[in-house]
Amino acid sequence: MYIGRDFPQLTMISLDEWDLNELLFYHHAMSQLAAYLNAEGASLHAKMIQELESRGPIGDDSGGWDHSSTPIYD
């Protein structure tokens, strides 16, 4: 279960102030709903993707006994 700031609260601040886990969680949720997003939602999702890309590689690690191979945002 996601524990963090809710979406209406996050939309009131710029994407560069979002935590990485928040970006990953809401990007995943919006990806699942992409076919149903209106123009505003699709635009916000595109901005989320740009912000994630600007932060650099995520999950380039193959994992190990002490950490996951992908970020855990849930």
N, C-alpha and C. Protein backbone atom coordinates (compact mmCIF):
# COMPACT_ATOMS: atom_id res chain seq x y z
N MET A 1 0.84 -1.18 0.00
CA MET A 1 0.00 0.00 0.00
C MET A 1 0.89 1.24 0.00
N TYR A 2 0.52 2.21 -0.82
CA TYR A 2 1.27 3.46 -0.93
C TYR A 2 1.02 4.33 0.28
N ILE A 3 2.09 4.79 0.88
CA ILE A 3 1.98 5.72 2.01
C ILE A 3 2.77 6.96 1.62
N GLY A 4 2.07 8.03 1.46
CA GLY A 4 2.73 9.26 1.06
C GLY A 4 1.69 10.33 0.76
N ARG A 5 2.14 11.40 0.13
CA ARG A 5 1.24 12.50 -0.19
C ARG A 5 0.25 12.06 -1.27
N ASP A 6 -0.99 12.54 -1.15
CA ASP A 6 -1.99 12.16 -2.14
C ASP A 6 -1.85 13.04 -3.39
N PHE A 7 -2.49 12.59 -4.46
CA PHE A 7 -2.33 13.22 -5.76
C PHE A 7 -2.78 14.69 -5.78
N PRO A 8 -3.94 15.04 -5.22
CA PRO A 8 -4.32 16.46 -5.21
C PRO A 8 -3.29 17.35 -4.51
N GLN A 9 -2.70 16.86 -3.45
CA GLN A 9 -1.67 17.63 -2.75
C GLN A 9 -0.44 17.80 -3.63
N LEU A 10 -0.05 16.75 -4.33
CA LEU A 10 1.14 16.81 -5.17
C LEU A 10 0.95 17.70 -6.38
N THR A 11 -0.25 17.78 -6.92
CA THR A 11 -0.47 18.61 -8.10
C THR A 11 -0.34 20.10 -7.78
N MET A 12 -0.33 20.44 -6.52
CA MET A 12 -0.17 21.84 -6.12
C MET A 12 1.29 22.28 -6.04
N ILE A 13 2.23 21.34 -6.20
CA ILE A 13 3.65 21.67 -6.17
C ILE A 13 4.29 21.21 -7.47
N SER A 14 5.46 21.75 -7.77
CA SER A 14 6.13 21.39 -9.03
C SER A 14 6.70 19.96 -8.94
N LEU A 15 6.85 19.36 -10.11
CA LEU A 15 7.32 17.98 -10.17
C LEU A 15 8.73 17.80 -9.61
N ASP A 16 9.55 18.83 -9.67
CA ASP A 16 10.90 18.67 -9.13
C ASP A 16 10.93 18.59 -7.62
N GLU A 17 9.81 18.88 -6.96
CA GLU A 17 9.72 18.74 -5.51
C GLU A 17 9.14 17.39 -5.08
N TRP A 18 8.70 16.58 -6.05
CA TRP A 18 8.16 15.26 -5.74
C TRP A 18 9.32 14.33 -5.37
N ASP A 19 9.07 13.42 -4.44
CA ASP A 19 10.04 12.37 -4.13
C ASP A 19 10.07 11.38 -5.28
N LEU A 20 11.17 10.66 -5.41
CA LEU A 20 11.28 9.66 -6.46
C LEU A 20 10.20 8.60 -6.33
N ASN A 21 9.92 8.16 -5.11
CA ASN A 21 8.89 7.14 -4.91
C ASN A 21 7.51 7.64 -5.34
N GLU A 22 7.23 8.90 -5.11
CA GLU A 22 5.95 9.47 -5.54
C GLU A 22 5.86 9.49 -7.06
N LEU A 23 6.93 9.91 -7.71
CA LEU A 23 6.95 9.92 -9.17
C LEU A 23 6.75 8.52 -9.73
N LEU A 24 7.47 7.55 -9.19
CA LEU A 24 7.37 6.18 -9.68
C LEU A 24 5.97 5.61 -9.46
N PHE A 25 5.39 5.85 -8.30
CA PHE A 25 4.07 5.32 -7.99
C PHE A 25 3.01 5.89 -8.93
N TYR A 26 2.98 7.22 -9.06
CA TYR A 26 1.94 7.83 -9.88
C TYR A 26 2.20 7.64 -11.37
N HIS A 27 3.45 7.51 -11.79
CA HIS A 27 3.74 7.17 -13.18
C HIS A 27 3.19 5.78 -13.49
N HIS A 28 3.40 4.85 -12.59
CA HIS A 28 2.88 3.49 -12.79
C HIS A 28 1.35 3.50 -12.86
N ALA A 29 0.72 4.22 -11.95
CA ALA A 29 -0.75 4.29 -11.95
C ALA A 29 -1.28 4.92 -13.23
N MET A 30 -0.64 6.00 -13.67
CA MET A 30 -1.11 6.67 -14.88
C MET A 30 -0.82 5.84 -16.13
N SER A 31 0.24 5.05 -16.11
CA SER A 31 0.53 4.16 -17.22
C SER A 31 -0.57 3.12 -17.37
N GLN A 32 -1.06 2.63 -16.24
CA GLN A 32 -2.14 1.64 -16.27
C GLN A 32 -3.45 2.24 -16.80
N LEU A 33 -3.63 3.54 -16.62
CA LEU A 33 -4.86 4.21 -17.02
C LEU A 33 -4.68 5.06 -18.27
N ALA A 34 -3.59 4.91 -18.98
CA ALA A 34 -3.24 5.80 -20.10
C ALA A 34 -4.36 5.90 -21.15
N ALA A 35 -5.03 4.82 -21.42
CA ALA A 35 -6.09 4.84 -22.44
C ALA A 35 -7.29 5.69 -22.01
N TYR A 36 -7.41 5.96 -20.73
CA TYR A 36 -8.57 6.68 -20.21
C TYR A 36 -8.26 8.12 -19.81
N LEU A 37 -7.00 8.57 -19.95
CA LEU A 37 -6.62 9.91 -19.54
C LEU A 37 -7.11 10.95 -20.55
N ASN A 38 -7.58 12.07 -20.04
CA ASN A 38 -7.92 13.18 -20.93
C ASN A 38 -6.63 13.93 -21.29
N ALA A 39 -6.75 15.03 -22.04
CA ALA A 39 -5.57 15.77 -22.49
C ALA A 39 -4.74 16.30 -21.32
N GLU A 40 -5.40 16.76 -20.27
CA GLU A 40 -4.68 17.29 -19.11
C GLU A 40 -3.92 16.17 -18.39
N GLY A 41 -4.55 15.02 -18.24
CA GLY A 41 -3.89 13.89 -17.60
C GLY A 41 -2.72 13.37 -18.41
N ALA A 42 -2.90 13.31 -19.74
CA ALA A 42 -1.82 12.84 -20.61
C ALA A 42 -0.64 13.82 -20.57
N SER A 43 -0.94 15.12 -20.51
CA SER A 43 0.11 16.13 -20.42
C SER A 43 0.88 16.00 -19.11
N LEU A 44 0.18 15.81 -18.01
CA LEU A 44 0.83 15.64 -16.71
C LEU A 44 1.69 14.38 -16.70
N HIS A 45 1.18 13.32 -17.30
CA HIS A 45 1.94 12.06 -17.35
C HIS A 45 3.22 12.25 -18.17
N ALA A 46 3.14 12.99 -19.28
CA ALA A 46 4.33 13.26 -20.09
C ALA A 46 5.35 14.06 -19.29
N LYS A 47 4.88 15.02 -18.49
CA LYS A 47 5.79 15.81 -17.65
C LYS A 47 6.44 14.93 -16.58
N MET A 48 5.68 13.97 -16.05
CA MET A 48 6.23 13.03 -15.06
C MET A 48 7.36 12.21 -15.69
N ILE A 49 7.14 11.76 -16.91
CA ILE A 49 8.15 10.97 -17.61
C ILE A 49 9.40 11.80 -17.84
N GLN A 50 9.23 13.05 -18.26
CA GLN A 50 10.38 13.94 -18.46
C GLN A 50 11.14 14.16 -17.15
N GLU A 51 10.42 14.33 -16.05
CA GLU A 51 11.07 14.53 -14.75
C GLU A 51 11.85 13.28 -14.34
N LEU A 52 11.25 12.10 -14.54
CA LEU A 52 11.96 10.86 -14.22
C LEU A 52 13.22 10.73 -15.07
N GLU A 53 13.12 11.05 -16.36
CA GLU A 53 14.28 10.95 -17.24
C GLU A 53 15.37 11.94 -16.84
N SER A 54 14.96 13.12 -16.38
CA SER A 54 15.94 14.14 -16.00
C SER A 54 16.69 13.77 -14.72
N ARG A 55 16.12 12.90 -13.93
CA ARG A 55 16.77 12.49 -12.68
C ARG A 55 17.79 11.39 -12.89
N GLY A 56 17.88 10.88 -14.10
CA GLY A 56 18.89 9.89 -14.41
C GLY A 56 18.39 8.47 -14.36
N PRO A 57 19.28 7.52 -14.58
CA PRO A 57 18.89 6.11 -14.63
C PRO A 57 18.31 5.61 -13.31
N ILE A 58 17.29 4.80 -13.43
CA ILE A 58 16.65 4.20 -12.26
C ILE A 58 16.61 2.70 -12.48
N GLY A 59 17.10 1.96 -11.53
CA GLY A 59 17.02 0.51 -11.62
C GLY A 59 18.04 -0.12 -12.55
N ASP A 60 19.21 0.51 -12.75
CA ASP A 60 20.24 -0.07 -13.60
C ASP A 60 21.01 -1.17 -12.90
N ASP A 61 20.67 -1.42 -11.67
CA ASP A 61 21.39 -2.39 -10.86
C ASP A 61 20.74 -3.76 -11.03
N SER A 62 21.54 -4.80 -10.99
CA SER A 62 20.99 -6.15 -11.11
C SER A 62 20.54 -6.72 -9.77
N GLY A 63 20.65 -5.94 -8.72
CA GLY A 63 20.20 -6.39 -7.42
C GLY A 63 21.27 -7.16 -6.67
N GLY A 64 20.95 -7.52 -5.48
CA GLY A 64 21.87 -8.26 -4.64
C GLY A 64 21.14 -8.77 -3.42
N TRP A 65 21.87 -9.39 -2.55
CA TRP A 65 21.24 -9.97 -1.37
C TRP A 65 20.70 -8.89 -0.44
N ASP A 66 21.24 -7.68 -0.53
CA ASP A 66 20.84 -6.62 0.39
C ASP A 66 19.98 -5.53 -0.24
N HIS A 67 19.67 -5.65 -1.54
CA HIS A 67 18.83 -4.64 -2.18
C HIS A 67 18.14 -5.21 -3.41
N SER A 68 17.04 -4.57 -3.77
CA SER A 68 16.23 -5.00 -4.91
C SER A 68 16.87 -4.55 -6.22
N SER A 69 16.51 -5.20 -7.30
CA SER A 69 17.01 -4.80 -8.62
C SER A 69 16.22 -3.62 -9.17
N THR A 70 15.05 -3.36 -8.64
CA THR A 70 14.24 -2.21 -9.06
C THR A 70 13.81 -1.44 -7.83
N PRO A 71 13.57 -0.13 -7.99
CA PRO A 71 13.11 0.65 -6.84
C PRO A 71 11.77 0.16 -6.35
N ILE A 72 11.60 0.12 -5.05
CA ILE A 72 10.33 -0.28 -4.46
C ILE A 72 9.61 1.00 -4.03
N TYR A 73 8.49 1.28 -4.65
CA TYR A 73 7.77 2.52 -4.37
C TYR A 73 6.44 2.27 -3.70
N ASP A 74 6.07 1.05 -3.49
CA ASP A 74 4.77 0.74 -2.91
C ASP A 74 4.89 0.53 -1.42
